[in-house]
Amino acid sequence: MRMTVIEHEAGAGLGYLADWLGLPCDVVRPYLGEPVPERAADGLIVLGGEAAAWEDDDHPWLPATRDLLRASVEHRVPTLGICLGAQLLTLACGGTVERGAAGLEVGACAVTALPAAEHDVLFHGIGTAVAIQYHRDAMTRLPEGAVPLLTGTQYPNQCYRLGDSAWAVQFHPEATPAIFASWTAASGVQGLDEAVAAAEPGLIAAWRPVAERFAALVKTRATVG
C-alpha cells in the first residue's frame, strides 16, 4: 500500500504526517518538473503552498492536480486536500474559491466541529481544537453534496467531506511549529511563533488521530479493493 502525495513547494511538505501515516509515500514534486500522475496509488494527499488555486499560468501543474483530485473522488480513492489542496479539490468538483474577504488567517486558531463531524470516519470527537492556519484565499461555495464538518470564526468553511472518501481541510494539520516558523520567517509575519509552539501538544492530540484514521481507511480500501 502506498500514498501519492502532491507537494507544491519545498517548504510545505508532509511534516507530522510523514510519521503519523505509517505508510510509504510517493511524493511528487511538480515544481521540479515531475509529472502529476493521472491516477493516485491507494490514497492521495495534496498539500498546501503559496499559489492560489486558480493561478494556472504561474503554476502549470495545477490543472493536472485538479484532474487527479476529480478522478480520485470519482473512483473513491481516499483523498485528503490540505489548504491549497483543499481549494484545488473544491474547484475540481464544482465549488468556488476566492480571495478571502476577511484577509489573512494565520497562527494557532480554533476550529469547531459541526454536528455532522460526530459521525465522520476521520473527524469524530474533535469538538473544538487548535489548528495552524496560513491562508488568504477561502472556499466560499462548496461542491454539490459536500458535508461541512468543521468551522471557524474568520472563515466558516474549514473542513468538509465529499462522498465517502474525500476530505478538504483549510488549515494545516501537517504543519509542525518549525514549519510554521519557516513560513513566518519568509513572509515577515511576526509575533505568532511562540503561540504556535505552545500549542504543539494540542495540535498532536487533535490531528494525529485523524491522520491515523485516514491511513487506516487507505489500508482497508486497498485490502478490500
Protein backbone atom coordinates (compact mmCIF):
# COMPACT_ATOMS: atom_id res chain seq x y z
CA MET A 1 0.00 0.00 0.00
CA ARG A 2 1.29 3.41 -0.99
CA MET A 3 0.18 7.03 -0.75
CA THR A 4 0.52 9.51 -3.59
CA VAL A 5 1.46 12.97 -2.28
CA ILE A 6 1.47 16.15 -4.36
CA GLU A 7 3.90 18.69 -2.88
CA HIS A 8 3.66 22.21 -4.31
CA GLU A 9 6.83 23.66 -2.78
CA ALA A 10 9.81 22.52 -0.76
CA GLY A 11 8.80 24.40 2.39
CA ALA A 12 5.34 22.82 2.59
CA GLY A 13 5.99 19.10 2.95
CA LEU A 14 4.36 16.29 4.89
CA GLY A 15 5.56 17.48 8.30
CA TYR A 16 3.91 15.46 11.07
CA LEU A 17 2.17 13.24 8.51
CA ALA A 18 5.42 11.62 7.45
CA ASP A 19 5.42 9.77 10.79
CA TRP A 20 1.72 9.68 11.62
CA LEU A 21 0.54 7.95 8.44
CA GLY A 22 2.79 4.92 8.79
CA LEU A 23 2.59 4.27 5.04
CA PRO A 24 5.12 4.65 2.24
CA CYS A 25 4.54 7.92 0.40
CA ASP A 26 5.38 8.62 -3.23
CA VAL A 27 6.00 12.38 -3.12
CA VAL A 28 5.51 14.09 -6.48
CA ARG A 29 7.17 17.50 -6.82
CA PRO A 30 5.73 19.16 -9.94
CA TYR A 31 7.53 22.42 -9.16
CA LEU A 32 10.71 20.47 -10.00
CA GLY A 33 9.23 19.23 -13.27
CA GLU A 34 7.91 15.89 -12.03
CA PRO A 35 4.64 14.98 -13.80
CA VAL A 36 1.41 14.75 -11.86
CA PRO A 37 0.05 11.22 -12.31
CA GLU A 38 -3.34 10.61 -13.88
CA ARG A 39 -4.29 8.23 -11.07
CA ALA A 40 -3.28 8.06 -7.42
CA ALA A 41 -1.98 4.97 -5.68
CA ASP A 42 -4.01 3.63 -2.74
CA GLY A 43 -4.53 7.10 -1.26
CA LEU A 44 -3.94 10.73 -2.21
CA ILE A 45 -2.79 13.76 -0.23
CA VAL A 46 -2.49 17.16 -1.90
CA LEU A 47 -0.52 19.59 0.26
CA GLY A 48 -0.53 23.37 0.60
CA GLY A 49 1.50 26.14 -0.97
CA GLU A 50 1.59 29.85 -1.71
CA ALA A 51 -0.18 29.56 -5.06
CA ALA A 52 -3.81 30.49 -5.49
CA ALA A 53 -5.84 27.53 -6.71
CA TRP A 54 -6.63 29.31 -9.99
CA GLU A 55 -3.08 30.52 -10.84
CA ASP A 56 -2.52 28.04 -13.65
CA ASP A 57 -0.24 30.32 -15.68
CA ASP A 58 2.27 30.63 -12.84
CA HIS A 59 1.88 27.03 -11.66
CA PRO A 60 1.18 24.96 -14.78
CA TRP A 61 0.70 21.69 -12.91
CA LEU A 62 -2.46 22.88 -11.17
CA PRO A 63 -4.88 21.71 -13.91
CA ALA A 64 -3.41 18.20 -13.79
CA THR A 65 -3.68 18.24 -9.98
CA ARG A 66 -7.34 19.21 -10.19
CA ASP A 67 -7.89 16.41 -12.71
CA LEU A 68 -6.20 13.95 -10.34
CA LEU A 69 -8.37 15.10 -7.44
CA ARG A 70 -11.55 14.83 -9.53
CA ALA A 71 -10.61 11.31 -10.66
CA SER A 72 -9.82 10.28 -7.10
CA VAL A 73 -13.24 11.43 -5.90
CA GLU A 74 -14.94 9.61 -8.78
CA HIS A 75 -13.05 6.38 -8.08
CA ARG A 76 -13.43 6.62 -4.29
CA VAL A 77 -9.70 6.78 -3.63
CA PRO A 78 -9.17 8.03 -0.05
CA THR A 79 -8.21 11.66 -0.57
CA LEU A 80 -7.11 14.48 1.71
CA GLY A 81 -6.68 18.04 0.43
CA ILE A 82 -4.82 20.42 2.74
CA CYS A 83 -5.12 24.24 2.40
CA LEU A 84 -4.24 24.77 -1.30
CA GLY A 85 -5.04 21.09 -1.80
CA ALA A 86 -8.48 21.65 -0.26
CA GLN A 87 -9.06 24.64 -2.51
CA LEU A 88 -8.00 22.65 -5.59
CA LEU A 89 -10.40 19.87 -4.61
CA THR A 90 -13.15 22.47 -4.25
CA LEU A 91 -12.55 23.91 -7.71
CA ALA A 92 -12.12 20.47 -9.28
CA CYS A 93 -15.53 19.37 -8.04
CA GLY A 94 -17.53 22.48 -8.92
CA GLY A 95 -17.16 24.74 -5.89
CA THR A 96 -15.80 28.28 -5.65
CA VAL A 97 -12.52 29.58 -4.22
CA GLU A 98 -11.84 33.32 -3.96
CA ARG A 99 -9.51 35.78 -2.32
CA GLY A 100 -10.76 35.85 1.25
CA ALA A 101 -12.72 38.94 2.22
CA ALA A 102 -11.57 38.63 5.85
CA GLY A 103 -7.88 38.80 4.94
CA LEU A 104 -5.02 36.61 6.10
CA GLU A 105 -5.86 33.90 8.62
CA VAL A 106 -2.63 32.89 10.31
CA GLY A 107 -1.40 31.34 13.54
CA ALA A 108 -2.86 28.93 16.07
CA CYS A 109 -6.62 29.27 15.62
CA ALA A 110 -9.63 27.39 16.93
CA VAL A 111 -11.78 25.21 14.70
CA THR A 112 -15.07 23.79 15.93
CA ALA A 113 -16.89 20.63 14.92
CA LEU A 114 -20.29 20.85 13.28
CA PRO A 115 -22.92 18.19 14.05
CA ALA A 116 -22.02 16.03 11.03
CA ALA A 117 -18.46 15.62 12.31
CA GLU A 118 -19.60 13.39 15.15
CA HIS A 119 -20.44 10.65 12.64
CA ASP A 120 -17.48 11.22 10.33
CA VAL A 121 -14.92 8.44 9.98
CA LEU A 122 -11.99 10.87 10.35
CA PHE A 123 -13.15 13.84 12.40
CA HIS A 124 -15.41 12.39 15.09
CA GLY A 125 -14.55 13.51 18.60
CA ILE A 126 -12.84 16.77 17.59
CA GLY A 127 -15.08 19.19 19.48
CA THR A 128 -13.07 22.43 19.45
CA ALA A 129 -9.39 22.11 18.59
CA VAL A 130 -6.43 24.30 17.76
CA ALA A 131 -5.16 24.28 14.17
CA ILE A 132 -2.35 26.02 12.32
CA GLN A 133 -3.65 28.47 9.73
CA TYR A 134 -1.87 30.28 6.93
CA HIS A 135 -4.10 31.31 4.03
CA ARG A 136 -5.58 34.32 2.27
CA ASP A 137 -7.98 32.50 -0.05
CA ALA A 138 -11.24 30.92 1.00
CA MET A 139 -13.59 28.17 -0.09
CA THR A 140 -16.71 30.31 -0.44
CA ARG A 141 -19.02 27.77 -2.12
CA LEU A 142 -18.57 24.07 -1.50
CA PRO A 143 -19.11 21.42 -4.16
CA GLU A 144 -22.59 19.98 -4.50
CA GLY A 145 -23.14 17.28 -1.92
CA ALA A 146 -20.28 18.39 0.33
CA VAL A 147 -20.86 17.85 4.06
CA PRO A 148 -19.37 20.63 6.24
CA LEU A 149 -17.57 19.18 9.25
CA LEU A 150 -15.57 21.98 10.93
CA THR A 151 -15.99 25.72 11.07
CA GLY A 152 -14.05 28.75 12.31
CA THR A 153 -14.59 32.38 13.25
CA GLN A 154 -12.71 34.13 10.45
CA TYR A 155 -13.65 31.71 7.68
CA PRO A 156 -16.56 29.28 8.13
CA ASN A 157 -15.59 26.55 5.67
CA GLN A 158 -12.71 24.85 7.49
CA CYS A 159 -13.36 21.20 6.61
CA TYR A 160 -15.80 19.18 4.55
CA ARG A 161 -16.29 15.66 3.26
CA LEU A 162 -17.23 14.88 -0.33
CA GLY A 163 -18.70 11.44 -0.90
CA ASP A 164 -17.35 8.81 1.47
CA SER A 165 -13.66 9.06 0.57
CA ALA A 166 -12.54 12.69 0.14
CA TRP A 167 -11.88 15.39 2.73
CA ALA A 168 -10.79 19.02 2.41
CA VAL A 169 -9.22 20.93 5.30
CA GLN A 170 -8.46 24.64 5.04
CA PHE A 171 -5.95 24.52 7.90
CA HIS A 172 -2.60 22.68 8.20
CA PRO A 173 -2.80 19.50 10.33
CA GLU A 174 0.61 18.51 8.93
CA ALA A 175 2.49 21.66 9.94
CA THR A 176 4.91 21.48 12.86
CA PRO A 177 5.84 24.63 14.80
CA ALA A 178 9.21 24.57 12.98
CA ILE A 179 7.49 24.52 9.59
CA PHE A 180 5.21 27.37 10.64
CA ALA A 181 8.22 29.39 11.84
CA SER A 182 9.87 28.91 8.45
CA TRP A 183 6.77 30.36 6.77
CA THR A 184 6.65 33.41 9.04
CA ALA A 185 10.40 34.00 8.61
CA ALA A 186 9.97 34.01 4.83
CA SER A 187 6.91 36.27 4.87
CA GLY A 188 7.83 38.67 7.66
CA VAL A 189 4.79 37.84 9.80
CA GLN A 190 5.82 38.35 13.41
CA GLY A 191 4.65 37.52 16.90
CA LEU A 192 2.92 34.19 16.29
CA ASP A 193 5.66 31.55 16.51
CA GLU A 194 5.64 31.30 20.30
CA ALA A 195 1.89 30.67 20.48
CA VAL A 196 2.11 28.01 17.77
CA ALA A 197 4.98 26.30 19.62
CA ALA A 198 2.99 26.35 22.86
CA ALA A 199 0.03 24.80 21.02
CA GLU A 200 2.01 21.74 19.87
CA PRO A 201 0.55 19.27 22.40
CA GLY A 202 -2.96 20.26 21.32
CA LEU A 203 -2.04 20.01 17.64
CA ILE A 204 -0.74 16.48 18.11
CA ALA A 205 -3.69 15.43 20.25
CA ALA A 206 -6.22 16.66 17.69
CA TRP A 207 -4.69 15.77 14.34
CA ARG A 208 -2.62 12.64 14.88
CA PRO A 209 -5.76 10.52 15.35
CA VAL A 210 -7.23 12.00 12.16
CA ALA A 211 -4.09 11.08 10.20
CA GLU A 212 -4.08 7.58 11.65
CA ARG A 213 -7.75 7.09 10.75
CA PHE A 214 -7.03 8.26 7.21
CA ALA A 215 -4.18 5.76 6.91
CA ALA A 216 -6.44 3.01 8.26
CA LEU A 217 -9.04 3.85 5.62
CA VAL A 218 -6.39 3.66 2.90
CA LYS A 219 -5.31 0.23 4.16
CA THR A 220 -8.87 -1.05 4.40
CA ARG A 221 -9.84 0.13 0.91
CA ALA A 222 -6.65 -1.29 -0.60
CA THR A 223 -7.25 -4.65 1.06
CA VAL A 224 -10.92 -4.85 0.05
CA GLY A 225 -10.45 -3.35 -3.41
